Structures are given as C-alpha cells and as structure tokens.
C-alpha atoms as a PDB file:
ATOM      1  CA  MET A   1      86.253-143.659  91.654  1.00  0.00           C
ATOM      2  CA  VAL A   2      84.554-140.295  91.803  1.00  0.00           C
ATOM      3  CA  LYS A   3      83.294-141.162  95.751  1.00  0.00           C
ATOM      4  CA  HIS A   4      86.512-141.403  96.790  1.00  0.00           C
ATOM      5  CA  GLU A   5      87.316-138.221  94.984  1.00  0.00           C
ATOM      6  CA  ILE A   6      84.695-136.713  96.874  1.00  0.00           C
ATOM      7  CA  ILE A   7      85.882-137.804 100.221  1.00  0.00           C
ATOM      8  CA  TYR A   8      89.633-136.885  99.406  1.00  0.00           C
ATOM      9  CA  GLN A   9      88.292-133.303  98.531  1.00  0.00           C
ATOM     10  CA  HIS A  10      86.025-133.093 101.400  1.00  0.00           C
ATOM     11  CA  PRO A  11      87.758-134.741 104.253  1.00  0.00           C
ATOM     12  CA  SER A  12      84.703-133.877 106.593  1.00  0.00           C
ATOM     13  CA  ILE A  13      82.416-136.332 105.150  1.00  0.00           C
ATOM     14  CA  ASN A  14      82.766-140.138 104.787  1.00  0.00           C
ATOM     15  CA  LEU A  15      81.841-142.812 102.451  1.00  0.00           C
ATOM     16  CA  ALA A  16      78.632-143.184 104.054  1.00  0.00           C
ATOM     17  CA  ASP A  17      77.800-139.666 103.582  1.00  0.00           C
ATOM     18  CA  VAL A  18      78.303-139.686 100.015  1.00  0.00           C
ATOM     19  CA  TYR A  19      76.110-142.650  99.518  1.00  0.00           C
ATOM     20  CA  ALA A  20      73.433-141.095 101.436  1.00  0.00           C
ATOM     21  CA  ALA A  21      73.495-137.680  99.446  1.00  0.00           C
ATOM     22  CA  LEU A  22      73.403-140.016  95.912  1.00  0.00           C
ATOM     23  CA  ALA A  23      70.383-141.757  97.347  1.00  0.00           C
ATOM     24  CA  TYR A  24      68.662-138.813  98.027  1.00  0.00           C
ATOM     25  CA  TYR A  25      69.339-137.158  94.830  1.00  0.00           C
ATOM     26  CA  HIS A  26      68.114-140.360  93.062  1.00  0.00           C
ATOM     27  CA  ASP A  27      65.007-140.199  95.077  1.00  0.00           C
ATOM     28  CA  HIS A  28      64.172-136.827  94.461  1.00  0.00           C
ATOM     29  CA  GLN A  29      65.777-136.011  91.074  1.00  0.00           C
ATOM     30  CA  GLU A  30      62.848-134.286  89.637  1.00  0.00           C
ATOM     31  CA  GLU A  31      62.414-131.987  92.629  1.00  0.00           C
ATOM     32  CA  ILE A  32      65.931-131.117  92.463  1.00  0.00           C
ATOM     33  CA  ARG A  33      65.937-130.005  89.214  1.00  0.00           C
ATOM     34  CA  GLN A  34      62.830-128.114  89.524  1.00  0.00           C
ATOM     35  CA  GLN A  35      64.523-126.167  92.533  1.00  0.00           C
ATOM     36  CA  ILE A  36      67.450-125.475  90.062  1.00  0.00           C
ATOM     37  CA  GLU A  37      65.549-124.293  87.485  1.00  0.00           C
ATOM     38  CA  GLU A  38      63.392-122.001  89.670  1.00  0.00           C
ATOM     39  CA  GLY A  39      66.493-120.400  90.972  1.00  0.00           C
ATOM     40  CA  GLU A  40      67.787-119.597  87.637  1.00  0.00           C
ATOM     41  CA  ASN A  41      64.678-118.163  86.433  1.00  0.00           C
ATOM     42  CA  PHE A  42      64.984-115.962  89.882  1.00  0.00           C
ATOM     43  CA  ALA A  43      68.339-115.082  89.062  1.00  0.00           C
ATOM     44  CA  LYS A  44      67.394-114.172  85.423  1.00  0.00           C
ATOM     45  CA  GLN A  45      64.611-112.017  86.666  1.00  0.00           C
ATOM     46  CA  LEU A  46      66.841-110.084  89.060  1.00  0.00           C
ATOM     47  CA  GLN A  47      69.449-109.479  86.249  1.00  0.00           C
ATOM     48  CA  GLY A  48      66.682-108.252  83.897  1.00  0.00           C
ATOM     49  CA  ASN A  49      67.995-106.282  80.959  1.00  0.00           C
ATOM     50  CA  LYS A  50      71.248-105.658  82.345  1.00  0.00           C
ATOM     51  CA  PRO A  51      73.778-107.608  80.627  1.00  0.00           C
ATOM     52  CA  SER A  52      76.624-109.705  82.576  1.00  0.00           C
ATOM     53  CA  LEU A  53      80.041-108.417  83.094  1.00  0.00           C
ATOM     54  CA  ILE A  54      81.339-111.051  80.587  1.00  0.00           C
ATOM     55  CA  GLU A  55      78.906-109.624  78.041  1.00  0.00           C
ATOM     56  CA  LYS A  56      80.075-106.349  78.598  1.00  0.00           C
ATOM     57  CA  ILE A  57      83.771-107.433  78.139  1.00  0.00           C
ATOM     58  CA  LEU A  58      82.909-109.306  74.900  1.00  0.00           C
END
C-alpha cells in the first residue's frame, strides 16, 4: 500500500498524518492546483528567455 510506503520512507509521521494530508488534499484540490500553477508560472517568469542547463546540453 502507498500509505505504508510513505510511513516507511518518512518515519517521523504516522498513518493518521497521512490520512489527514490526503483529506486536506481532497478538500482543497483546486486551490492546491492553482498554487502549483502559479508557482510554475512564476518560475517561468524568472527564467525568462534563458535556456535551462539541460536545454544547453542537449
């Protein structure tokens, strides 16, 4: 199960923490998606016309 894998990878949290995080996510999906999109747009603005290091290598 994914929840148990999360607990294994992050021993400082417990199963209740995982369920609380999942419940919060499900109650606020649109808000979270919007914040992610805003962060990505901000990162693109900061980058401007400069190609990424990966693009330079390729």
